Amino acid sequence: MKIIDAHAHLWLNVDTVVNGSAIHPLEPNRSRSLFFGEERQMLPPWMTDGQNTAERFLSNMDYAQVSAAVITQEFIDGPQNDYLLDVQRRYPTRFFCFGMPATLQQRAAGSSVAGSGLVDEAESLIHSGFRGIKVPAARLPQHFLTDDMMDLFRMMSHRGILLGIELADGDAQVGQIEEVIQECPSLKIAIGHFGMVTRPGWLAQIRLARHENVFIESGGITWLFNDEFYPFPSAVRAIREAADNVGMEKLMWGSDYPRTITAITYKMSYDFVTKSNELTDEEKQMFLSDNARRFFGFGPLVELPYIKNMSE
């Protein structure tokens, strides 16, 4: 099957502030970062220049036989719009990239920027070439649905722009998304991190996909089940439970590359699904490929042959 990764990250440099805490590379091994006051392995240790580039990811994708990927954004990555536009222009068949308004980044940094032109900024990003806008609501104030945010969603719905969003644990922000869906029923929404599946109340987020235009992607699921580790049997059971609630046709695989591959390889971030006996071949095809292709509107996908390792 031609696999699609519905949740990955790219950046040239990370140097930002979130909730008053700095996030930036550390010297001399720049694959490690200062992350909310702690030293963390942000990248695989061989990425010593701190750059998480499209070319490195494409090498991983080709090796793992992943045909295309959705590049999302997060406040902890810092602003990446310029780089991601360039990536999307250079590799239009391999990547779908989300834009993220700087206004939201400023709110996450604690700045008071209400009424600062959120909709105008998003429209500018759309005009420049983005077909999706990312809102990391989990890192915004719990009540994130301000008047200008609702105006943003109305505009996106009218323009046919996709919304990528991650929510706070459990049902803390689910009611606000229900309001958005009621106001903008045609807005296509991808909810990330599989509803924060290891947290209490995660199914409240999953059940949002009972609405026609809401889908769930599993970016970070191997991180959330990291204590169990590969082959993540509880993650497979969670996918099964989510499918029983909303249908496998509403679920999409995502890797959360590159942070997840500090612990496992990129291929391991999906082959625990392909090797599982708890899902049918048809369900695996939907989860790993068909649903994301339909939701994000990918065209013809590149076919990638299997390349043997030197150890084989």
C-alpha atoms as a PDB file:
ATOM      1  CA  MET A   1       0.000   0.000   0.000  1.00  0.00           C
ATOM      2  CA  LYS A   2       1.085   3.612  -0.511  1.00  0.00           C
ATOM      3  CA  ILE A   3       1.365   4.945   3.031  1.00  0.00           C
ATOM      4  CA  ILE A   4       0.601   8.531   4.117  1.00  0.00           C
ATOM      5  CA  ASP A   5       1.873  10.054   7.361  1.00  0.00           C
ATOM      6  CA  ALA A   6      -0.802  12.472   8.634  1.00  0.00           C
ATOM      7  CA  HIS A   7       1.323  14.155  11.352  1.00  0.00           C
ATOM      8  CA  ALA A   8       4.994  15.095  11.061  1.00  0.00           C
ATOM      9  CA  HIS A   9       7.201  18.152  11.661  1.00  0.00           C
ATOM     10  CA  LEU A  10       9.955  19.940   9.754  1.00  0.00           C
ATOM     11  CA  TRP A  11      12.121  22.907  10.687  1.00  0.00           C
ATOM     12  CA  LEU A  12      15.392  24.598   9.890  1.00  0.00           C
ATOM     13  CA  ASN A  13      15.859  25.970  13.392  1.00  0.00           C
ATOM     14  CA  VAL A  14      14.002  25.932  16.698  1.00  0.00           C
ATOM     15  CA  ASP A  15      14.352  29.031  18.838  1.00  0.00           C
ATOM     16  CA  THR A  16      11.171  30.148  20.547  1.00  0.00           C
ATOM     17  CA  VAL A  17       9.354  30.910  23.817  1.00  0.00           C
ATOM     18  CA  VAL A  18       6.193  29.112  24.974  1.00  0.00           C
ATOM     19  CA  ASN A  19       4.399  30.057  28.190  1.00  0.00           C
ATOM     20  CA  GLY A  20       7.409  32.134  29.183  1.00  0.00           C
ATOM     21  CA  SER A  21       9.895  29.243  28.806  1.00  0.00           C
ATOM     22  CA  ALA A  22      12.632  29.136  26.177  1.00  0.00           C
ATOM     23  CA  ILE A  23      13.040  26.276  23.708  1.00  0.00           C
ATOM     24  CA  HIS A  24      16.306  26.313  21.748  1.00  0.00           C
ATOM     25  CA  PRO A  25      19.180  24.029  20.700  1.00  0.00           C
ATOM     26  CA  LEU A  26      22.049  23.319  23.081  1.00  0.00           C
ATOM     27  CA  GLU A  27      25.726  23.257  22.201  1.00  0.00           C
ATOM     28  CA  PRO A  28      27.799  21.346  21.305  1.00  0.00           C
ATOM     29  CA  ASN A  29      25.349  18.539  20.458  1.00  0.00           C
ATOM     30  CA  ARG A  30      22.585  20.547  18.843  1.00  0.00           C
ATOM     31  CA  SER A  31      20.273  17.556  18.536  1.00  0.00           C
ATOM     32  CA  ARG A  32      19.503  18.249  22.189  1.00  0.00           C
ATOM     33  CA  SER A  33      17.428  21.205  23.271  1.00  0.00           C
ATOM     34  CA  LEU A  34      16.504  23.250  26.275  1.00  0.00           C
ATOM     35  CA  PHE A  35      12.837  22.339  26.617  1.00  0.00           C
ATOM     36  CA  PHE A  36      10.825  24.114  29.318  1.00  0.00           C
ATOM     37  CA  GLY A  37      13.924  24.310  31.514  1.00  0.00           C
ATOM     38  CA  GLU A  38      15.072  20.716  30.935  1.00  0.00           C
ATOM     39  CA  GLU A  39      17.609  19.217  28.547  1.00  0.00           C
ATOM     40  CA  ARG A  40      15.767  16.976  26.088  1.00  0.00           C
ATOM     41  CA  GLN A  41      16.725  14.865  23.076  1.00  0.00           C
ATOM     42  CA  MET A  42      14.672  16.799  20.549  1.00  0.00           C
ATOM     43  CA  LEU A  43      16.184  15.056  17.504  1.00  0.00           C
ATOM     44  CA  PRO A  44      17.962  11.772  16.782  1.00  0.00           C
ATOM     45  CA  PRO A  45      21.562  12.195  17.977  1.00  0.00           C
ATOM     46  CA  TRP A  46      23.014  12.126  14.463  1.00  0.00           C
ATOM     47  CA  MET A  47      21.174  15.349  13.544  1.00  0.00           C
ATOM     48  CA  THR A  48      23.966  17.353  15.139  1.00  0.00           C
ATOM     49  CA  ASP A  49      23.236  20.583  13.258  1.00  0.00           C
ATOM     50  CA  GLY A  50      19.728  20.835  14.732  1.00  0.00           C
ATOM     51  CA  GLN A  51      18.138  20.955  11.273  1.00  0.00           C
ATOM     52  CA  ASN A  52      15.111  18.734  10.685  1.00  0.00           C
ATOM     53  CA  THR A  53      14.946  19.185   6.928  1.00  0.00           C
ATOM     54  CA  ALA A  54      12.624  17.943   4.206  1.00  0.00           C
ATOM     55  CA  GLU A  55      15.500  16.133   2.507  1.00  0.00           C
ATOM     56  CA  ARG A  56      16.335  14.138   5.641  1.00  0.00           C
ATOM     57  CA  PHE A  57      12.699  13.272   6.090  1.00  0.00           C
ATOM     58  CA  LEU A  58      12.342  12.230   2.459  1.00  0.00           C
ATOM     59  CA  SER A  59      15.276   9.869   2.935  1.00  0.00           C
ATOM     60  CA  ASN A  60      13.440   8.323   5.919  1.00  0.00           C
ATOM     61  CA  MET A  61      10.172   8.231   3.974  1.00  0.00           C
ATOM     62  CA  ASP A  62      11.725   6.554   0.941  1.00  0.00           C
ATOM     63  CA  TYR A  63      13.459   3.970   3.120  1.00  0.00           C
ATOM     64  CA  ALA A  64      10.248   3.223   5.066  1.00  0.00           C
ATOM     65  CA  GLN A  65       8.111   3.308   1.883  1.00  0.00           C
ATOM     66  CA  VAL A  66       5.973   6.248   3.001  1.00  0.00           C
ATOM     67  CA  SER A  67       4.707   8.025  -0.099  1.00  0.00           C
ATOM     68  CA  ALA A  68       3.540  11.340   1.381  1.00  0.00           C
ATOM     69  CA  ALA A  69       3.338  13.244   4.647  1.00  0.00           C
ATOM     70  CA  VAL A  70       1.340  16.019   6.263  1.00  0.00           C
ATOM     71  CA  ILE A  71       3.578  18.601   7.927  1.00  0.00           C
ATOM     72  CA  THR A  72       1.906  20.167  10.909  1.00  0.00           C
ATOM     73  CA  GLN A  73       3.162  22.935  13.197  1.00  0.00           C
ATOM     74  CA  GLU A  74       3.450  23.344  16.944  1.00  0.00           C
ATOM     75  CA  PHE A  75       4.377  26.292  19.148  1.00  0.00           C
ATOM     76  CA  ILE A  76       7.384  24.363  20.462  1.00  0.00           C
ATOM     77  CA  ASP A  77       8.803  24.268  16.905  1.00  0.00           C
ATOM     78  CA  GLY A  78       8.719  28.039  16.598  1.00  0.00           C
ATOM     79  CA  PRO A  79       7.447  29.756  13.426  1.00  0.00           C
ATOM     80  CA  GLN A  80       8.156  27.697  10.298  1.00  0.00           C
ATOM     81  CA  ASN A  81       5.785  29.169   7.695  1.00  0.00           C
ATOM     82  CA  ASP A  82       8.456  30.438   5.300  1.00  0.00           C
ATOM     83  CA  TYR A  83      10.347  27.164   5.281  1.00  0.00           C
ATOM     84  CA  LEU A  84       7.226  25.014   4.919  1.00  0.00           C
ATOM     85  CA  LEU A  85       5.973  27.072   1.985  1.00  0.00           C
ATOM     86  CA  ASP A  86       9.301  26.456   0.281  1.00  0.00           C
ATOM     87  CA  VAL A  87       9.065  22.731   1.063  1.00  0.00           C
ATOM     88  CA  GLN A  88       5.535  22.521  -0.335  1.00  0.00           C
ATOM     89  CA  ARG A  89       6.575  24.298  -3.540  1.00  0.00           C
ATOM     90  CA  ARG A  90       9.606  22.051  -4.067  1.00  0.00           C
ATOM     91  CA  TYR A  91       7.884  18.756  -3.208  1.00  0.00           C
ATOM     92  CA  PRO A  92       4.181  19.258  -4.006  1.00  0.00           C
ATOM     93  CA  THR A  93       3.369  15.547  -4.397  1.00  0.00           C
ATOM     94  CA  ARG A  94       5.130  14.478  -1.197  1.00  0.00           C
ATOM     95  CA  PHE A  95       4.001  17.076   1.356  1.00  0.00           C
ATOM     96  CA  PHE A  96       0.848  18.853   2.528  1.00  0.00           C
ATOM     97  CA  CYS A  97       1.924  21.650   4.888  1.00  0.00           C
ATOM     98  CA  PHE A  98      -0.120  23.520   7.481  1.00  0.00           C
ATOM     99  CA  GLY A  99       0.434  27.223   8.059  1.00  0.00           C
ATOM    100  CA  MET A 100       0.231  28.681  11.569  1.00  0.00           C
ATOM    101  CA  PRO A 101      -0.538  32.342  12.360  1.00  0.00           C
ATOM    102  CA  ALA A 102       2.170  34.078  14.383  1.00  0.00           C
ATOM    103  CA  THR A 103      -0.619  35.651  16.436  1.00  0.00           C
ATOM    104  CA  LEU A 104      -1.264  32.244  18.006  1.00  0.00           C
ATOM    105  CA  GLN A 105       2.429  31.803  18.779  1.00  0.00           C
ATOM    106  CA  GLN A 106       2.351  35.166  20.555  1.00  0.00           C
ATOM    107  CA  ARG A 107      -0.651  34.092  22.608  1.00  0.00           C
ATOM    108  CA  ALA A 108       1.169  30.918  23.599  1.00  0.00           C
ATOM    109  CA  ALA A 109       4.113  33.069  24.685  1.00  0.00           C
ATOM    110  CA  GLY A 110       1.788  34.962  27.026  1.00  0.00           C
ATOM    111  CA  SER A 111       1.357  38.124  24.954  1.00  0.00           C
ATOM    112  CA  SER A 112      -2.027  39.813  24.959  1.00  0.00           C
ATOM    113  CA  VAL A 113      -2.817  40.174  21.270  1.00  0.00           C
ATOM    114  CA  ALA A 114      -6.607  39.974  21.142  1.00  0.00           C
ATOM    115  CA  GLY A 115      -7.985  41.740  18.091  1.00  0.00           C
ATOM    116  CA  SER A 116      -4.560  41.708  16.428  1.00  0.00           C
ATOM    117  CA  GLY A 117      -5.671  40.597  12.979  1.00  0.00           C
ATOM    118  CA  LEU A 118      -5.787  36.805  13.316  1.00  0.00           C
ATOM    119  CA  VAL A 119      -8.137  36.363  10.368  1.00  0.00           C
ATOM    120  CA  ASP A 120      -6.163  38.730   8.132  1.00  0.00           C
ATOM    121  CA  GLU A 121      -2.956  36.891   8.946  1.00  0.00           C
ATOM    122  CA  ALA A 122      -4.530  33.511   8.196  1.00  0.00           C
ATOM    123  CA  GLU A 123      -5.895  34.831   4.899  1.00  0.00           C
ATOM    124  CA  SER A 124      -2.389  35.968   3.984  1.00  0.00           C
ATOM    125  CA  LEU A 125      -1.041  32.472   4.717  1.00  0.00           C
ATOM    126  CA  ILE A 126      -3.765  30.954   2.554  1.00  0.00           C
ATOM    127  CA  HIS A 127      -3.012  33.397  -0.261  1.00  0.00           C
ATOM    128  CA  SER A 128       0.657  32.397  -0.087  1.00  0.00           C
ATOM    129  CA  GLY A 129      -0.235  28.748  -0.713  1.00  0.00           C
ATOM    130  CA  PHE A 130      -1.262  26.983   2.503  1.00  0.00           C
ATOM    131  CA  ARG A 131      -4.391  24.802   2.252  1.00  0.00           C
ATOM    132  CA  GLY A 132      -4.584  24.167   5.989  1.00  0.00           C
ATOM    133  CA  ILE A 133      -4.243  26.219   9.186  1.00  0.00           C
ATOM    134  CA  LYS A 134      -2.967  24.742  12.443  1.00  0.00           C
ATOM    135  CA  VAL A 135      -4.307  25.733  15.875  1.00  0.00           C
ATOM    136  CA  PRO A 136      -2.479  24.045  18.812  1.00  0.00           C
ATOM    137  CA  ALA A 137      -5.373  24.700  21.187  1.00  0.00           C
ATOM    138  CA  ALA A 138      -3.912  22.535  23.958  1.00  0.00           C
ATOM    139  CA  ARG A 139      -1.184  25.156  24.529  1.00  0.00           C
ATOM    140  CA  LEU A 140      -3.577  28.111  24.369  1.00  0.00           C
ATOM    141  CA  PRO A 141      -5.750  29.244  27.297  1.00  0.00           C
ATOM    142  CA  GLN A 142      -8.321  26.535  28.003  1.00  0.00           C
ATOM    143  CA  HIS A 143     -11.079  28.775  26.652  1.00  0.00           C
ATOM    144  CA  PHE A 144      -9.448  29.344  23.268  1.00  0.00           C
ATOM    145  CA  LEU A 145     -12.630  30.006  21.293  1.00  0.00           C
ATOM    146  CA  THR A 146     -12.483  33.801  21.227  1.00  0.00           C
ATOM    147  CA  ASP A 147     -14.579  35.856  18.813  1.00  0.00           C
ATOM    148  CA  ASP A 148     -11.713  36.233  16.364  1.00  0.00           C
ATOM    149  CA  MET A 149     -11.008  32.499  16.532  1.00  0.00           C
ATOM    150  CA  MET A 150     -14.586  31.736  15.534  1.00  0.00           C
ATOM    151  CA  ASP A 151     -14.260  34.299  12.744  1.00  0.00           C
ATOM    152  CA  LEU A 152     -11.157  32.425  11.612  1.00  0.00           C
ATOM    153  CA  PHE A 153     -13.042  29.128  11.470  1.00  0.00           C
ATOM    154  CA  ARG A 154     -15.924  30.720   9.543  1.00  0.00           C
ATOM    155  CA  MET A 155     -13.490  32.089   6.984  1.00  0.00           C
ATOM    156  CA  MET A 156     -11.726  28.727   6.665  1.00  0.00           C
ATOM    157  CA  SER A 157     -15.023  26.923   6.200  1.00  0.00           C
ATOM    158  CA  HIS A 158     -16.056  29.379   3.487  1.00  0.00           C
ATOM    159  CA  ARG A 159     -12.677  29.042   1.725  1.00  0.00           C
ATOM    160  CA  GLY A 160     -12.440  25.239   2.004  1.00  0.00           C
ATOM    161  CA  ILE A 161      -9.337  25.381   4.211  1.00  0.00           C
ATOM    162  CA  LEU A 162      -8.547  22.438   6.513  1.00  0.00           C
ATOM    163  CA  LEU A 163      -8.152  22.858  10.275  1.00  0.00           C
ATOM    164  CA  GLY A 164      -5.530  20.889  12.180  1.00  0.00           C
ATOM    165  CA  ILE A 165      -5.986  21.082  15.942  1.00  0.00           C
ATOM    166  CA  GLU A 166      -4.807  19.438  19.149  1.00  0.00           C
ATOM    167  CA  LEU A 167      -6.926  19.680  22.275  1.00  0.00           C
ATOM    168  CA  ALA A 168      -6.217  19.699  25.987  1.00  0.00           C
ATOM    169  CA  ASP A 169      -6.493  16.340  27.746  1.00  0.00           C
ATOM    170  CA  GLY A 170      -9.894  14.718  28.017  1.00  0.00           C
ATOM    171  CA  ASP A 171     -13.021  16.746  27.328  1.00  0.00           C
ATOM    172  CA  ALA A 172     -11.734  20.122  28.573  1.00  0.00           C
ATOM    173  CA  GLN A 173     -12.059  21.736  25.128  1.00  0.00           C
ATOM    174  CA  VAL A 174     -14.452  19.324  23.413  1.00  0.00           C
ATOM    175  CA  GLY A 175     -17.475  21.555  24.027  1.00  0.00           C
ATOM    176  CA  GLN A 176     -15.799  24.414  22.178  1.00  0.00           C
ATOM    177  CA  ILE A 177     -15.147  22.201  19.148  1.00  0.00           C
ATOM    178  CA  GLU A 178     -18.810  21.164  19.240  1.00  0.00           C
ATOM    179  CA  GLU A 179     -19.661  24.885  19.004  1.00  0.00           C
ATOM    180  CA  VAL A 180     -17.346  25.249  16.009  1.00  0.00           C
ATOM    181  CA  ILE A 181     -18.895  22.239  14.277  1.00  0.00           C
ATOM    182  CA  GLN A 182     -22.398  23.590  14.876  1.00  0.00           C
ATOM    183  CA  GLU A 183     -21.431  26.999  13.464  1.00  0.00           C
ATOM    184  CA  CYS A 184     -19.248  25.632  10.615  1.00  0.00           C
ATOM    185  CA  PRO A 185     -20.538  22.133   9.730  1.00  0.00           C
ATOM    186  CA  SER A 186     -18.583  22.003   6.450  1.00  0.00           C
ATOM    187  CA  LEU A 187     -15.210  22.830   8.068  1.00  0.00           C
ATOM    188  CA  LYS A 188     -12.877  19.831   7.724  1.00  0.00           C
ATOM    189  CA  ILE A 189     -11.131  19.179  11.055  1.00  0.00           C
ATOM    190  CA  ALA A 190      -8.228  16.841  11.862  1.00  0.00           C
ATOM    191  CA  ILE A 191      -7.845  16.283  15.602  1.00  0.00           C
ATOM    192  CA  GLY A 192      -4.314  15.299  16.556  1.00  0.00           C
ATOM    193  CA  HIS A 193      -2.500  13.065  19.041  1.00  0.00           C
ATOM    194  CA  PHE A 194      -5.331  10.510  18.895  1.00  0.00           C
ATOM    195  CA  GLY A 195      -7.282  12.449  21.500  1.00  0.00           C
ATOM    196  CA  MET A 196      -4.338  12.174  23.955  1.00  0.00           C
ATOM    197  CA  VAL A 197      -5.228   8.510  24.168  1.00  0.00           C
ATOM    198  CA  THR A 198      -3.440   7.633  27.412  1.00  0.00           C
ATOM    199  CA  ARG A 199      -5.200  10.392  29.357  1.00  0.00           C
ATOM    200  CA  PRO A 200      -8.579  10.030  31.107  1.00  0.00           C
ATOM    201  CA  GLY A 201     -11.534  10.976  28.946  1.00  0.00           C
ATOM    202  CA  TRP A 202      -9.750  10.541  25.600  1.00  0.00           C
ATOM    203  CA  LEU A 203     -12.785   9.014  23.909  1.00  0.00           C
ATOM    204  CA  ALA A 204     -14.622  12.328  24.235  1.00  0.00           C
ATOM    205  CA  GLN A 205     -12.239  13.704  21.610  1.00  0.00           C
ATOM    206  CA  ILE A 206     -12.471  10.586  19.447  1.00  0.00           C
ATOM    207  CA  ARG A 207     -16.275  10.767  19.389  1.00  0.00           C
ATOM    208  CA  LEU A 208     -16.074  14.184  17.748  1.00  0.00           C
ATOM    209  CA  ALA A 209     -15.361  12.189  14.584  1.00  0.00           C
ATOM    210  CA  ARG A 210     -18.996  11.087  14.578  1.00  0.00           C
ATOM    211  CA  HIS A 211     -19.509  14.418  12.823  1.00  0.00           C
ATOM    212  CA  GLU A 212     -19.143  14.071   9.062  1.00  0.00           C
ATOM    213  CA  ASN A 213     -16.119  16.324   8.509  1.00  0.00           C
ATOM    214  CA  VAL A 214     -14.100  15.496  11.636  1.00  0.00           C
ATOM    215  CA  PHE A 215     -11.216  13.010  11.454  1.00  0.00           C
ATOM    216  CA  ILE A 216      -8.694  11.790  14.047  1.00  0.00           C
ATOM    217  CA  GLU A 217      -4.958  11.355  13.410  1.00  0.00           C
ATOM    218  CA  SER A 218      -2.601   9.359  15.564  1.00  0.00           C
ATOM    219  CA  GLY A 219       0.477  11.612  15.642  1.00  0.00           C
ATOM    220  CA  GLY A 220       2.372  10.866  18.847  1.00  0.00           C
ATOM    221  CA  ILE A 221       0.659   7.582  19.674  1.00  0.00           C
ATOM    222  CA  THR A 222       4.014   5.791  20.064  1.00  0.00           C
ATOM    223  CA  TRP A 223       5.147   8.605  22.384  1.00  0.00           C
ATOM    224  CA  LEU A 224       1.977   8.248  24.466  1.00  0.00           C
ATOM    225  CA  PHE A 225       2.560   4.489  24.786  1.00  0.00           C
ATOM    226  CA  ASN A 226       6.347   4.834  25.102  1.00  0.00           C
ATOM    227  CA  ASP A 227       6.437   3.121  28.527  1.00  0.00           C
ATOM    228  CA  GLU A 228       4.986  -0.001  26.942  1.00  0.00           C
ATOM    229  CA  PHE A 229       7.258   0.308  23.884  1.00  0.00           C
ATOM    230  CA  TYR A 230       7.292  -1.558  20.587  1.00  0.00           C
ATOM    231  CA  PRO A 231       5.155  -3.285  19.302  1.00  0.00           C
ATOM    232  CA  PHE A 232       2.713  -1.136  21.302  1.00  0.00           C
ATOM    233  CA  PRO A 233      -0.136  -3.657  21.797  1.00  0.00           C
ATOM    234  CA  SER A 234      -2.159  -1.174  23.853  1.00  0.00           C
ATOM    235  CA  ALA A 235      -1.905   1.362  21.035  1.00  0.00           C
ATOM    236  CA  VAL A 236      -3.370  -1.193  18.631  1.00  0.00           C
ATOM    237  CA  ARG A 237      -6.182  -1.888  21.081  1.00  0.00           C
ATOM    238  CA  ALA A 238      -6.827   1.851  21.352  1.00  0.00           C
ATOM    239  CA  ILE A 239      -7.069   2.104  17.557  1.00  0.00           C
ATOM    240  CA  ARG A 240      -9.528  -0.790  17.637  1.00  0.00           C
ATOM    241  CA  GLU A 241     -11.598   0.913  20.370  1.00  0.00           C
ATOM    242  CA  ALA A 242     -11.639   4.218  18.501  1.00  0.00           C
ATOM    243  CA  ALA A 243     -12.743   2.444  15.319  1.00  0.00           C
ATOM    244  CA  ASP A 244     -15.552   0.755  17.240  1.00  0.00           C
ATOM    245  CA  ASN A 245     -16.733   4.222  18.316  1.00  0.00           C
ATOM    246  CA  VAL A 246     -16.466   6.200  15.067  1.00  0.00           C
ATOM    247  CA  GLY A 247     -15.485   3.786  12.296  1.00  0.00           C
ATOM    248  CA  MET A 248     -12.024   3.033  10.921  1.00  0.00           C
ATOM    249  CA  GLU A 249     -12.792   5.315   7.973  1.00  0.00           C
ATOM    250  CA  LYS A 250     -12.394   8.346  10.295  1.00  0.00           C
ATOM    251  CA  LEU A 251      -8.915   7.462  11.629  1.00  0.00           C
ATOM    252  CA  MET A 252      -5.498   8.289  10.125  1.00  0.00           C
ATOM    253  CA  TRP A 253      -1.960   7.243  11.002  1.00  0.00           C
ATOM    254  CA  GLY A 254       0.571   9.888  12.025  1.00  0.00           C
ATOM    255  CA  SER A 255       4.138   9.469  13.266  1.00  0.00           C
ATOM    256  CA  ASP A 256       4.952  12.783  15.015  1.00  0.00           C
ATOM    257  CA  TYR A 257       8.364  12.602  13.302  1.00  0.00           C
ATOM    258  CA  PRO A 258      11.117  13.432  14.238  1.00  0.00           C
ATOM    259  CA  ARG A 259      10.756  13.459  18.039  1.00  0.00           C
ATOM    260  CA  THR A 260       9.326   9.937  18.130  1.00  0.00           C
ATOM    261  CA  ILE A 261      12.299   8.476  16.259  1.00  0.00           C
ATOM    262  CA  THR A 262      14.654   9.345  19.087  1.00  0.00           C
ATOM    263  CA  ALA A 263      13.306   6.113  20.615  1.00  0.00           C
ATOM    264  CA  ILE A 264      12.328   3.993  17.582  1.00  0.00           C
ATOM    265  CA  THR A 265      12.942   3.997  13.842  1.00  0.00           C
ATOM    266  CA  TYR A 266      10.558   5.764  11.498  1.00  0.00           C
ATOM    267  CA  LYS A 267       9.316   2.484  10.044  1.00  0.00           C
ATOM    268  CA  MET A 268       8.591   1.154  13.547  1.00  0.00           C
ATOM    269  CA  SER A 269       6.200   4.069  14.041  1.00  0.00           C
ATOM    270  CA  TYR A 270       3.744   2.377  11.687  1.00  0.00           C
ATOM    271  CA  ASP A 271       4.737  -1.262  11.200  1.00  0.00           C
ATOM    272  CA  PHE A 272       3.373  -2.183  14.622  1.00  0.00           C
ATOM    273  CA  VAL A 273       0.044  -1.644  12.836  1.00  0.00           C
ATOM    274  CA  THR A 274       0.883  -3.664   9.724  1.00  0.00           C
ATOM    275  CA  LYS A 275       2.142  -6.582  11.858  1.00  0.00           C
ATOM    276  CA  SER A 276      -0.887  -6.643  14.152  1.00  0.00           C
ATOM    277  CA  ASN A 277      -3.461  -9.428  13.930  1.00  0.00           C
ATOM    278  CA  GLU A 278      -6.143  -7.287  15.589  1.00  0.00           C
ATOM    279  CA  LEU A 279      -6.863  -5.251  12.431  1.00  0.00           C
ATOM    280  CA  THR A 280      -7.966  -6.522   9.031  1.00  0.00           C
ATOM    281  CA  ASP A 281      -6.024  -5.767   5.859  1.00  0.00           C
ATOM    282  CA  GLU A 282      -8.847  -3.459   4.776  1.00  0.00           C
ATOM    283  CA  GLU A 283      -8.687  -1.562   8.084  1.00  0.00           C
ATOM    284  CA  LYS A 284      -4.916  -1.188   7.810  1.00  0.00           C
ATOM    285  CA  GLN A 285      -5.317   0.182   4.272  1.00  0.00           C
ATOM    286  CA  MET A 286      -7.824   2.779   5.497  1.00  0.00           C
ATOM    287  CA  PHE A 287      -5.800   3.782   8.560  1.00  0.00           C
ATOM    288  CA  LEU A 288      -2.391   3.978   6.879  1.00  0.00           C
ATOM    289  CA  SER A 289      -3.391   5.378   3.496  1.00  0.00           C
ATOM    290  CA  ASP A 290      -6.909   5.782   2.156  1.00  0.00           C
ATOM    291  CA  ASN A 291      -8.413   8.024   4.842  1.00  0.00           C
ATOM    292  CA  ALA A 292      -5.582  10.574   4.763  1.00  0.00           C
ATOM    293  CA  ARG A 293      -5.522  10.560   0.976  1.00  0.00           C
ATOM    294  CA  ARG A 294      -9.210  11.396   0.918  1.00  0.00           C
ATOM    295  CA  PHE A 295      -9.100  13.963   3.750  1.00  0.00           C
ATOM    296  CA  PHE A 296      -6.055  15.934   2.566  1.00  0.00           C
ATOM    297  CA  GLY A 297      -6.738  15.542  -1.144  1.00  0.00           C
ATOM    298  CA  PHE A 298      -3.490  13.910  -2.209  1.00  0.00           C
ATOM    299  CA  GLY A 299      -3.217  13.129  -5.911  1.00  0.00           C
ATOM    300  CA  PRO A 300      -1.195  10.276  -7.426  1.00  0.00           C
ATOM    301  CA  LEU A 301       1.294   8.931  -4.908  1.00  0.00           C
ATOM    302  CA  VAL A 302       4.843   7.835  -5.595  1.00  0.00           C
ATOM    303  CA  GLU A 303       5.461   4.089  -5.535  1.00  0.00           C
ATOM    304  CA  LEU A 304       8.505   3.206  -3.442  1.00  0.00           C
ATOM    305  CA  PRO A 305      10.245  -0.150  -3.840  1.00  0.00           C
ATOM    306  CA  TYR A 306      11.550  -2.088  -0.865  1.00  0.00           C
ATOM    307  CA  ILE A 307      15.320  -1.675  -0.531  1.00  0.00           C
ATOM    308  CA  LYS A 308      17.249  -4.348   1.351  1.00  0.00           C
ATOM    309  CA  ASN A 309      19.436  -3.412   4.296  1.00  0.00           C
ATOM    310  CA  MET A 310      23.136  -4.240   4.209  1.00  0.00           C
ATOM    311  CA  SER A 311      22.450  -6.606   7.118  1.00  0.00           C
ATOM    312  CA  GLU A 312      19.998  -8.718   5.112  1.00  0.00           C
END
